[in-house]
Amino acid sequence: MSQPGAPREPAVVHRAEIIAVGSEMLTADRTDTNSLFITARLNELGIEVAAKAVVADHLGTLASVVRGAMTRADLVVLTGGLGPTDDDLTRRAVAEVLGRSLVEQPAIVQAIRERFERRGLQMPEINRRQAEVIEGAEVLANGFGTAPGQFIDADGRVVVLLPGPPREMRPMLESVCASRLSARVGGARLFRGTVRLVGRTESHAEERLKPLYASWGGADPSVGATILAARGQIELQLSVRTADPGRGAAAIATAVADVEREFGLDVVSVDGRTLEQVVGDLLRSRGLRLAVAESCTGGLVTSRLTDVPGSSDYVERAVVAYSNRAKEDLLGVPAELIAGQGAVSEAVALAMAQGVRRLAAVEWGLAVTGIAGPSGGSDTKPVGTVCFAVAGPANQELVKTVHFAGARVQVKAFSATTAIDLVRRALLQ
């Protein structure tokens, strides 16, 4: 990397990589959360985050990751590793990659010293390391800690060093975004949209989306798409880069409409709402209440429904009827029905939904019963067999059986999604 020299045009920033520094984040006890906040703020500016990395406190490894990021991205943001100890290596690694020296700034040393003195303490000498600034860097003041950040123009790219503690990192990033980065994104901005789908596997959804991808890619402006799958749900993230807000919004709206036409009732939301929020909004807007009867999910359905603030408006009560006796005693499911059809059957699921609806005196009842595994299956009802039922007013009923693959936790998670979605479909139909 070259030394800082004559002034040049500020680098235009469109593509970023984030590097979280700290060996503790490579253990099971700690998670990198800074990158989520940084991504959100950069996206708001129209900067796409292409990659994230978590790197241990090892000089060679960190320098290698920084070097690679600078070959791919216009902007590299590092968090952490700016403390005073021997394993705080971010400054050294970046200086090594850029081929620049580290220079101690007396004004920073004095500011750190005064910060300690205000607390009645003497500054340890090791804190002088936090005053080491990479040659040519702009110092970013830290109003909440001792580690200043640094902003560096380097060979047409930008490198930003931020402290690791979120209470220090976030205000510093806000300042950088508002002043330095906002002036470097050019005229283009990034516009995004999200479509949530239920009832499709990731591969089936991808197969149906491929013709749309081709159409969107050839449009002006083009629409990019990323598909994500979790807990039986599909999230399609759409993005457009353009300098014209009207065209960006129109391109996203067209793509969303394409997906709605292709997937119909499988589309849960196009405005970012979760499945649980959509079901809650449908119930609340119609003045309806729901009661839930769960067997194999053990309360997971109710837990997810009540994760939504204000869900007491429409979730009246829930019963975990895990045993056959509980199904009979609490929900009034006939013993002969269980004996004849089996506890895992659409008939028993429907009786459970009707029973909890009657017990709670509400408009809608939802029930789920199944075999989560790893034992309990048979040739006719293998592990992963789950039956669902919704019972509503005027004898409205909807039943469904699904065979899920995966371990016990996965079967329960997929079952909860399917159960909540069955309520949505019943209300919309």
Protein backbone atom coordinates (compact mmCIF):
# COMPACT_ATOMS: atom_id res chain seq x y z
CA MET A 1 0.00 0.00 0.00
CA SER A 2 1.16 3.50 -0.76
CA GLN A 3 2.06 6.19 1.74
CA PRO A 4 -0.35 9.11 2.16
CA GLY A 5 0.57 11.77 -0.36
CA ALA A 6 -1.02 14.58 -2.31
CA PRO A 7 -4.75 15.20 -1.86
CA ARG A 8 -6.97 13.19 -4.18
CA GLU A 9 -10.65 12.94 -4.92
CA PRO A 10 -12.52 11.27 -2.02
CA ALA A 11 -13.22 7.60 -2.63
CA VAL A 12 -16.76 6.75 -3.71
CA VAL A 13 -18.17 4.06 -1.43
CA HIS A 14 -20.72 1.49 -2.64
CA ARG A 15 -19.52 -1.85 -1.23
CA ALA A 16 -18.37 -2.61 2.31
CA GLU A 17 -16.93 -5.40 4.43
CA ILE A 18 -17.13 -5.53 8.22
CA ILE A 19 -14.47 -7.11 10.44
CA ALA A 20 -15.23 -7.77 14.12
CA VAL A 21 -12.01 -8.24 16.09
CA GLY A 22 -11.81 -10.27 19.28
CA SER A 23 -11.03 -13.88 20.20
CA GLU A 24 -13.90 -13.85 22.71
CA MET A 25 -16.41 -13.69 19.83
CA LEU A 26 -15.13 -17.02 18.53
CA THR A 27 -16.31 -18.77 21.69
CA ALA A 28 -19.78 -20.08 22.49
CA ASP A 29 -20.34 -17.36 25.08
CA ARG A 30 -20.12 -14.19 22.98
CA THR A 31 -21.73 -13.04 19.73
CA ASP A 32 -20.87 -10.21 17.35
CA THR A 33 -23.82 -7.83 17.41
CA ASN A 34 -22.01 -4.72 16.20
CA SER A 35 -22.05 -5.88 12.58
CA LEU A 36 -25.86 -5.95 12.55
CA PHE A 37 -26.06 -2.30 13.61
CA ILE A 38 -23.31 -1.29 11.18
CA THR A 39 -25.02 -3.11 8.31
CA ALA A 40 -28.32 -1.37 8.96
CA ARG A 41 -26.72 2.07 9.02
CA LEU A 42 -24.62 1.47 5.91
CA ASN A 43 -27.63 0.13 4.02
CA GLU A 44 -29.54 3.30 4.85
CA LEU A 45 -26.80 5.23 3.07
CA GLY A 46 -27.00 2.96 0.05
CA ILE A 47 -23.83 1.03 0.89
CA GLU A 48 -24.09 -2.72 0.35
CA VAL A 49 -22.38 -4.96 2.89
CA ALA A 50 -20.80 -7.78 0.90
CA ALA A 51 -19.10 -9.73 3.71
CA LYS A 52 -18.58 -9.93 7.45
CA ALA A 53 -15.77 -11.63 9.36
CA VAL A 54 -14.96 -12.35 12.99
CA VAL A 55 -11.21 -12.53 13.61
CA ALA A 56 -9.18 -13.61 16.63
CA ASP A 57 -6.61 -11.41 18.34
CA HIS A 58 -3.77 -12.61 16.12
CA LEU A 59 -1.73 -10.08 14.16
CA GLY A 60 -1.00 -12.20 11.11
CA THR A 61 -4.55 -13.47 10.76
CA LEU A 62 -6.07 -10.04 11.21
CA ALA A 63 -3.69 -8.43 8.71
CA SER A 64 -4.51 -11.14 6.17
CA VAL A 65 -8.26 -10.59 6.55
CA VAL A 66 -7.90 -6.80 6.28
CA ARG A 67 -5.70 -7.17 3.19
CA GLY A 68 -8.26 -9.41 1.51
CA ALA A 69 -11.15 -7.10 2.37
CA MET A 70 -9.35 -4.15 0.82
CA THR A 71 -9.07 -5.98 -2.50
CA ARG A 72 -12.84 -6.48 -2.64
CA ALA A 73 -14.53 -3.53 -0.92
CA ASP A 74 -14.60 0.26 -1.15
CA LEU A 75 -15.09 0.49 2.61
CA VAL A 76 -13.65 -1.70 5.38
CA VAL A 77 -15.08 -1.17 8.88
CA LEU A 78 -13.32 -2.77 11.85
CA THR A 79 -14.74 -2.92 15.37
CA GLY A 80 -12.79 -3.89 18.45
CA GLY A 81 -9.11 -4.33 19.17
CA LEU A 82 -8.52 -0.66 20.03
CA GLY A 83 -7.91 -1.16 23.74
CA PRO A 84 -4.63 -0.72 25.64
CA THR A 85 -3.57 -4.36 26.09
CA ASP A 86 -1.14 -6.54 24.16
CA ASP A 87 -3.95 -8.36 22.34
CA ASP A 88 -5.52 -5.15 21.01
CA LEU A 89 -3.98 -5.40 17.55
CA THR A 90 -6.30 -3.58 15.16
CA ARG A 91 -4.16 -0.46 14.83
CA ARG A 92 -0.98 -2.47 14.18
CA ALA A 93 -2.64 -4.79 11.66
CA VAL A 94 -4.16 -1.98 9.59
CA ALA A 95 -0.92 0.02 9.69
CA GLU A 96 0.98 -3.03 8.48
CA VAL A 97 -1.42 -3.61 5.58
CA LEU A 98 -1.29 0.05 4.54
CA GLY A 99 2.47 0.25 4.92
CA ARG A 100 2.15 3.21 7.26
CA SER A 101 3.65 3.98 10.63
CA LEU A 102 1.91 4.46 13.97
CA VAL A 103 2.42 7.87 15.58
CA GLU A 104 1.60 8.65 19.21
CA GLN A 105 -0.44 11.87 19.50
CA PRO A 106 0.25 13.78 22.74
CA ALA A 107 -3.19 15.42 22.68
CA ILE A 108 -4.87 12.02 22.84
CA VAL A 109 -2.58 10.90 25.66
CA GLN A 110 -3.54 14.01 27.59
CA ALA A 111 -7.25 13.49 26.97
CA ILE A 112 -7.03 9.91 28.24
CA ARG A 113 -5.02 11.04 31.25
CA GLU A 114 -7.63 13.66 32.12
CA ARG A 115 -10.42 11.12 31.77
CA PHE A 116 -8.76 8.94 34.41
CA GLU A 117 -8.09 11.94 36.65
CA ARG A 118 -11.78 12.92 36.60
CA ARG A 119 -12.43 9.53 38.19
CA GLY A 120 -9.68 10.05 40.74
CA LEU A 121 -7.35 7.57 39.02
CA GLN A 122 -3.89 7.66 37.53
CA MET A 123 -3.64 6.63 33.88
CA PRO A 124 -1.76 3.33 33.39
CA GLU A 125 1.10 3.72 30.94
CA ILE A 126 -0.29 0.99 28.70
CA ASN A 127 -3.15 3.35 27.77
CA ARG A 128 -0.66 5.35 25.69
CA ARG A 129 -1.18 2.70 23.00
CA GLN A 130 -4.65 4.10 22.44
CA ALA A 131 -3.05 7.36 21.33
CA GLU A 132 -1.22 5.63 18.46
CA VAL A 133 -2.68 6.92 15.19
CA ILE A 134 -2.03 5.47 11.76
CA GLU A 135 -0.15 7.97 9.60
CA GLY A 136 -2.61 10.06 7.59
CA ALA A 137 -5.66 8.96 9.61
CA GLU A 138 -8.33 11.30 10.92
CA VAL A 139 -9.00 10.79 14.62
CA LEU A 140 -12.61 10.06 15.62
CA ALA A 141 -13.41 11.34 19.10
CA ASN A 142 -14.83 8.89 21.62
CA GLY A 143 -17.12 10.58 24.12
CA PHE A 144 -17.89 7.34 25.98
CA GLY A 145 -14.50 5.66 26.37
CA THR A 146 -10.74 5.99 26.08
CA ALA A 147 -10.27 4.46 22.60
CA PRO A 148 -10.55 6.99 19.74
CA GLY A 149 -11.53 5.72 16.33
CA GLN A 150 -9.73 6.39 13.05
CA PHE A 151 -10.87 7.26 9.51
CA ILE A 152 -8.39 6.55 6.72
CA ASP A 153 -8.34 7.23 2.99
CA ALA A 154 -6.13 4.61 1.39
CA ASP A 155 -5.59 3.95 -2.31
CA GLY A 156 -9.12 4.86 -3.32
CA ARG A 157 -10.65 2.99 -0.40
CA VAL A 158 -11.82 3.92 3.08
CA VAL A 159 -10.88 2.13 6.30
CA VAL A 160 -12.71 2.94 9.53
CA LEU A 161 -11.57 1.75 12.96
CA LEU A 162 -14.27 1.76 15.65
CA PRO A 163 -14.17 0.66 19.31
CA GLY A 164 -15.81 -2.63 20.26
CA PRO A 165 -18.19 -1.70 23.11
CA PRO A 166 -21.56 -0.86 21.50
CA ARG A 167 -22.11 2.24 23.67
CA GLU A 168 -18.86 3.64 22.24
CA MET A 169 -19.14 2.27 18.71
CA ARG A 170 -22.68 3.35 17.88
CA PRO A 171 -22.44 7.13 18.43
CA MET A 172 -19.08 7.17 16.65
CA LEU A 173 -20.54 5.33 13.66
CA GLU A 174 -23.53 7.68 13.55
CA SER A 175 -21.14 10.62 13.35
CA VAL A 176 -19.09 8.98 10.59
CA CYS A 177 -22.20 8.11 8.56
CA ALA A 178 -23.71 11.59 8.92
CA SER A 179 -20.57 13.46 7.92
CA ARG A 180 -17.85 11.56 6.11
CA LEU A 181 -19.61 8.56 4.52
CA SER A 182 -22.80 10.31 3.38
CA ALA A 183 -20.66 12.54 1.16
CA ARG A 184 -18.98 9.52 -0.48
CA VAL A 185 -21.86 7.37 -1.66
CA GLY A 186 -22.38 9.28 -4.90
CA GLY A 187 -25.85 9.82 -6.26
CA ALA A 188 -27.03 6.22 -5.97
CA ARG A 189 -28.94 4.83 -3.01
CA LEU A 190 -29.92 1.31 -2.05
CA PHE A 191 -33.65 0.56 -1.91
CA ARG A 192 -34.91 -2.64 -0.30
CA GLY A 193 -38.03 -4.73 -0.03
CA THR A 194 -38.89 -7.95 1.81
CA VAL A 195 -41.43 -10.65 0.92
CA ARG A 196 -42.16 -13.40 3.45
CA LEU A 197 -43.49 -16.76 2.24
CA VAL A 198 -44.82 -19.83 4.06
CA GLY A 199 -45.77 -23.22 2.68
CA ARG A 200 -42.83 -23.66 0.30
CA THR A 201 -39.43 -25.23 0.71
CA GLU A 202 -36.43 -23.11 -0.21
CA SER A 203 -35.70 -25.20 -3.32
CA HIS A 204 -39.32 -25.09 -4.52
CA ALA A 205 -39.46 -21.34 -4.01
CA GLU A 206 -36.15 -20.88 -5.82
CA GLU A 207 -37.40 -22.91 -8.78
CA ARG A 208 -40.48 -20.71 -9.11
CA LEU A 209 -38.43 -17.54 -8.69
CA LYS A 210 -35.78 -18.23 -11.34
CA PRO A 211 -37.79 -16.75 -14.26
CA LEU A 212 -38.43 -13.67 -12.14
CA TYR A 213 -34.73 -13.33 -11.36
CA ALA A 214 -33.98 -13.20 -15.08
CA SER A 215 -36.65 -10.57 -15.66
CA TRP A 216 -35.51 -8.42 -12.76
CA GLY A 217 -31.85 -8.67 -13.72
CA GLY A 218 -32.57 -7.33 -17.19
CA ALA A 219 -34.65 -4.40 -15.96
CA ASP A 220 -33.42 -0.82 -15.59
CA PRO A 221 -32.76 -0.40 -12.75
CA SER A 222 -32.06 -4.08 -12.09
CA VAL A 223 -33.41 -5.81 -8.99
CA GLY A 224 -31.21 -8.11 -6.94
CA ALA A 225 -32.68 -10.88 -4.82
CA THR A 226 -31.51 -13.05 -1.91
CA ILE A 227 -33.55 -15.95 -0.58
CA LEU A 228 -33.32 -17.08 3.07
CA ALA A 229 -35.03 -19.99 4.82
CA ALA A 230 -35.70 -20.48 8.54
CA ARG A 231 -38.26 -22.38 10.66
CA GLY A 232 -40.41 -23.31 7.68
CA GLN A 233 -40.50 -19.77 6.32
CA ILE A 234 -38.91 -18.15 3.28
CA GLU A 235 -37.69 -14.56 3.25
CA LEU A 236 -37.00 -12.96 -0.12
CA GLN A 237 -34.90 -9.81 0.15
CA LEU A 238 -35.04 -7.45 -2.85
CA SER A 239 -32.62 -4.60 -3.53
CA VAL A 240 -32.22 -1.86 -6.15
CA ARG A 241 -29.42 0.67 -6.50
CA THR A 242 -30.39 3.91 -8.23
CA ALA A 243 -30.08 7.66 -7.82
CA ASP A 244 -33.81 8.13 -8.51
CA PRO A 245 -35.97 7.36 -5.44
CA GLY A 246 -39.10 7.12 -7.57
CA ARG A 247 -37.59 4.55 -9.92
CA GLY A 248 -36.13 2.61 -7.00
CA ALA A 249 -39.48 2.39 -5.23
CA ALA A 250 -41.26 1.49 -8.48
CA ALA A 251 -38.78 -1.30 -9.27
CA ILE A 252 -39.21 -2.83 -5.82
CA ALA A 253 -43.02 -2.54 -6.07
CA THR A 254 -43.00 -4.27 -9.47
CA ALA A 255 -40.86 -7.13 -8.16
CA VAL A 256 -43.09 -7.54 -5.09
CA ALA A 257 -46.19 -7.66 -7.31
CA ASP A 258 -44.51 -10.34 -9.44
CA VAL A 259 -43.93 -12.50 -6.36
CA GLU A 260 -47.50 -12.00 -5.14
CA ARG A 261 -48.87 -13.15 -8.50
CA GLU A 262 -46.59 -16.18 -8.52
CA PHE A 263 -47.16 -17.37 -4.94
CA GLY A 264 -50.67 -16.15 -4.06
CA LEU A 265 -51.78 -17.15 -0.57
CA ASP A 266 -48.28 -18.38 0.29
CA VAL A 267 -47.24 -14.71 0.57
CA VAL A 268 -47.42 -13.78 4.25
CA SER A 269 -46.35 -10.14 4.05
CA VAL A 270 -44.66 -7.59 1.79
CA ASP A 271 -44.14 -4.94 4.45
CA GLY A 272 -41.70 -6.66 6.79
CA ARG A 273 -44.29 -8.04 9.22
CA THR A 274 -43.68 -11.51 10.63
CA LEU A 275 -46.16 -14.37 10.36
CA GLU A 276 -47.12 -13.88 14.00
CA GLN A 277 -47.73 -10.17 13.47
CA VAL A 278 -49.87 -10.79 10.39
CA VAL A 279 -52.06 -13.32 12.20
CA GLY A 280 -52.37 -10.98 15.17
CA ASP A 281 -53.36 -8.06 12.95
CA LEU A 282 -56.01 -10.18 11.20
CA LEU A 283 -57.53 -11.28 14.51
CA ARG A 284 -57.43 -7.83 16.08
CA SER A 285 -58.86 -6.01 13.06
CA ARG A 286 -61.86 -8.37 13.05
CA GLY A 287 -62.36 -8.40 16.81
CA LEU A 288 -61.66 -12.14 17.02
CA ARG A 289 -60.05 -14.21 19.75
CA LEU A 290 -57.99 -17.40 19.55
CA ALA A 291 -57.40 -20.32 21.92
CA VAL A 292 -54.65 -22.87 21.34
CA ALA A 293 -54.35 -26.57 22.18
CA GLU A 294 -50.85 -28.00 21.82
CA SER A 295 -49.46 -31.47 22.17
CA CYS A 296 -46.10 -32.12 20.46
CA THR A 297 -45.14 -28.43 20.32
CA GLY A 298 -45.44 -28.14 24.10
CA GLY A 299 -46.41 -24.44 24.14
CA LEU A 300 -44.14 -23.22 21.35
CA VAL A 301 -47.06 -22.03 19.20
CA THR A 302 -48.44 -19.92 22.02
CA SER A 303 -44.99 -18.61 22.89
CA ARG A 304 -44.48 -17.33 19.35
CA LEU A 305 -47.94 -15.80 19.15
CA THR A 306 -47.41 -14.00 22.44
CA ASP A 307 -43.96 -12.71 21.45
CA VAL A 308 -45.91 -9.97 19.67
CA PRO A 309 -46.65 -6.96 21.92
CA GLY A 310 -50.37 -6.51 22.46
CA SER A 311 -51.17 -10.16 21.73
CA SER A 312 -53.43 -10.25 24.80
CA ASP A 313 -55.99 -8.54 22.56
CA TYR A 314 -56.59 -11.79 20.68
CA VAL A 315 -54.84 -14.73 22.41
CA GLU A 316 -57.34 -15.77 25.08
CA ARG A 317 -55.77 -18.92 26.52
CA ALA A 318 -53.74 -22.02 25.72
CA VAL A 319 -53.72 -25.64 26.87
CA VAL A 320 -50.74 -27.99 26.62
CA ALA A 321 -52.49 -31.36 26.40
CA TYR A 322 -49.47 -33.61 26.00
CA SER A 323 -50.90 -36.92 27.21
CA ASN A 324 -53.98 -38.70 25.96
CA ARG A 325 -55.58 -38.25 29.38
CA ALA A 326 -55.02 -34.49 29.17
CA LYS A 327 -56.68 -34.42 25.75
CA GLU A 328 -59.66 -36.22 27.21
CA ASP A 329 -59.90 -34.40 30.58
CA LEU A 330 -59.05 -30.84 29.48
CA LEU A 331 -60.37 -30.71 25.92
CA GLY A 332 -63.13 -33.28 25.94
CA VAL A 333 -61.62 -35.42 23.19
CA PRO A 334 -63.51 -38.78 23.28
CA ALA A 335 -61.34 -41.68 24.46
CA GLU A 336 -62.80 -43.87 21.74
CA LEU A 337 -61.71 -41.36 19.07
CA ILE A 338 -58.13 -41.51 20.31
CA ALA A 339 -58.30 -45.31 20.50
CA GLY A 340 -59.75 -45.62 17.00
CA GLN A 341 -57.88 -42.90 15.09
CA GLY A 342 -54.77 -42.46 17.21
CA ALA A 343 -53.67 -39.36 19.12
CA VAL A 344 -51.85 -38.18 16.01
CA SER A 345 -54.69 -37.87 13.54
CA GLU A 346 -56.67 -35.13 11.86
CA ALA A 347 -59.80 -36.27 13.69
CA VAL A 348 -58.16 -35.84 17.10
CA ALA A 349 -56.55 -32.54 16.07
CA LEU A 350 -59.97 -31.22 15.05
CA ALA A 351 -61.54 -32.44 18.31
CA MET A 352 -58.78 -30.66 20.23
CA ALA A 353 -59.40 -27.41 18.30
CA GLN A 354 -63.13 -27.64 18.88
CA GLY A 355 -62.59 -28.50 22.53
CA VAL A 356 -60.29 -25.56 23.30
CA ARG A 357 -62.59 -23.20 21.38
CA ARG A 358 -65.55 -24.39 23.43
CA LEU A 359 -63.58 -24.29 26.69
CA ALA A 360 -62.42 -20.69 26.09
CA ALA A 361 -65.69 -19.48 24.52
CA VAL A 362 -63.83 -17.81 21.64
CA GLU A 363 -64.33 -17.57 17.89
CA TRP A 364 -61.33 -19.68 16.81
CA GLY A 365 -59.53 -22.72 18.15
CA LEU A 366 -56.16 -24.04 16.92
CA ALA A 367 -54.67 -27.45 17.67
CA VAL A 368 -51.50 -29.39 16.87
CA THR A 369 -50.64 -33.01 17.68
CA GLY A 370 -47.75 -35.05 16.32
CA ILE A 371 -44.69 -37.23 16.73
CA ALA A 372 -41.63 -35.04 17.24
CA GLY A 373 -39.29 -38.00 17.75
CA PRO A 374 -36.79 -39.46 17.90
CA SER A 375 -39.01 -42.37 19.00
CA GLY A 376 -42.74 -43.03 18.82
CA GLY A 377 -43.15 -43.42 15.07
CA SER A 378 -44.61 -46.31 13.09
CA ASP A 379 -44.77 -47.45 9.48
CA THR A 380 -48.03 -45.57 8.93
CA LYS A 381 -47.16 -42.60 11.12
CA PRO A 382 -43.39 -42.08 11.04
CA VAL A 383 -41.50 -39.61 13.21
CA GLY A 384 -42.23 -36.10 11.95
CA THR A 385 -45.92 -36.75 11.31
CA VAL A 386 -47.91 -33.78 12.63
CA CYS A 387 -51.63 -33.03 12.36
CA PHE A 388 -53.14 -29.56 12.57
CA ALA A 389 -56.67 -28.22 12.85
CA VAL A 390 -58.44 -24.87 13.05
CA ALA A 391 -62.08 -24.62 14.15
CA GLY A 392 -64.11 -21.44 13.74
CA PRO A 393 -67.66 -20.11 13.82
CA ALA A 394 -70.38 -21.48 11.53
CA ASN A 395 -68.62 -24.86 11.41
CA GLN A 396 -65.58 -23.42 9.63
CA GLU A 397 -62.85 -26.04 9.80
CA LEU A 398 -59.41 -26.51 8.26
CA VAL A 399 -57.26 -29.60 8.86
CA LYS A 400 -53.85 -30.59 7.58
CA THR A 401 -51.22 -33.32 8.00
CA VAL A 402 -47.54 -32.73 7.29
CA HIS A 403 -44.53 -35.05 7.45
CA PHE A 404 -41.49 -33.08 8.60
CA ALA A 405 -37.89 -34.20 8.36
CA GLY A 406 -35.22 -33.37 10.90
CA ALA A 407 -34.50 -33.65 14.59
CA ARG A 408 -37.01 -33.09 17.38
CA VAL A 409 -36.26 -29.36 17.75
CA GLN A 410 -36.68 -28.83 14.01
CA VAL A 411 -39.98 -30.73 13.90
CA LYS A 412 -41.34 -28.59 16.72
CA ALA A 413 -40.19 -25.36 15.09
CA PHE A 414 -41.65 -26.25 11.69
CA SER A 415 -44.87 -27.41 13.36
CA ALA A 416 -45.29 -24.10 15.17
CA THR A 417 -44.88 -22.19 11.92
CA THR A 418 -47.38 -24.41 10.10
CA ALA A 419 -49.92 -24.13 12.92
CA ILE A 420 -49.80 -20.33 13.02
CA ASP A 421 -49.98 -20.18 9.23
CA LEU A 422 -53.06 -22.42 9.23
CA VAL A 423 -54.87 -19.73 11.27
CA ARG A 424 -53.84 -17.13 8.71
CA ARG A 425 -55.14 -19.20 5.83
CA ALA A 426 -58.40 -19.96 7.62
CA LEU A 427 -59.00 -16.24 8.28
CA LEU A 428 -58.19 -15.27 4.69
CA GLN A 429 -60.28 -18.04 3.15
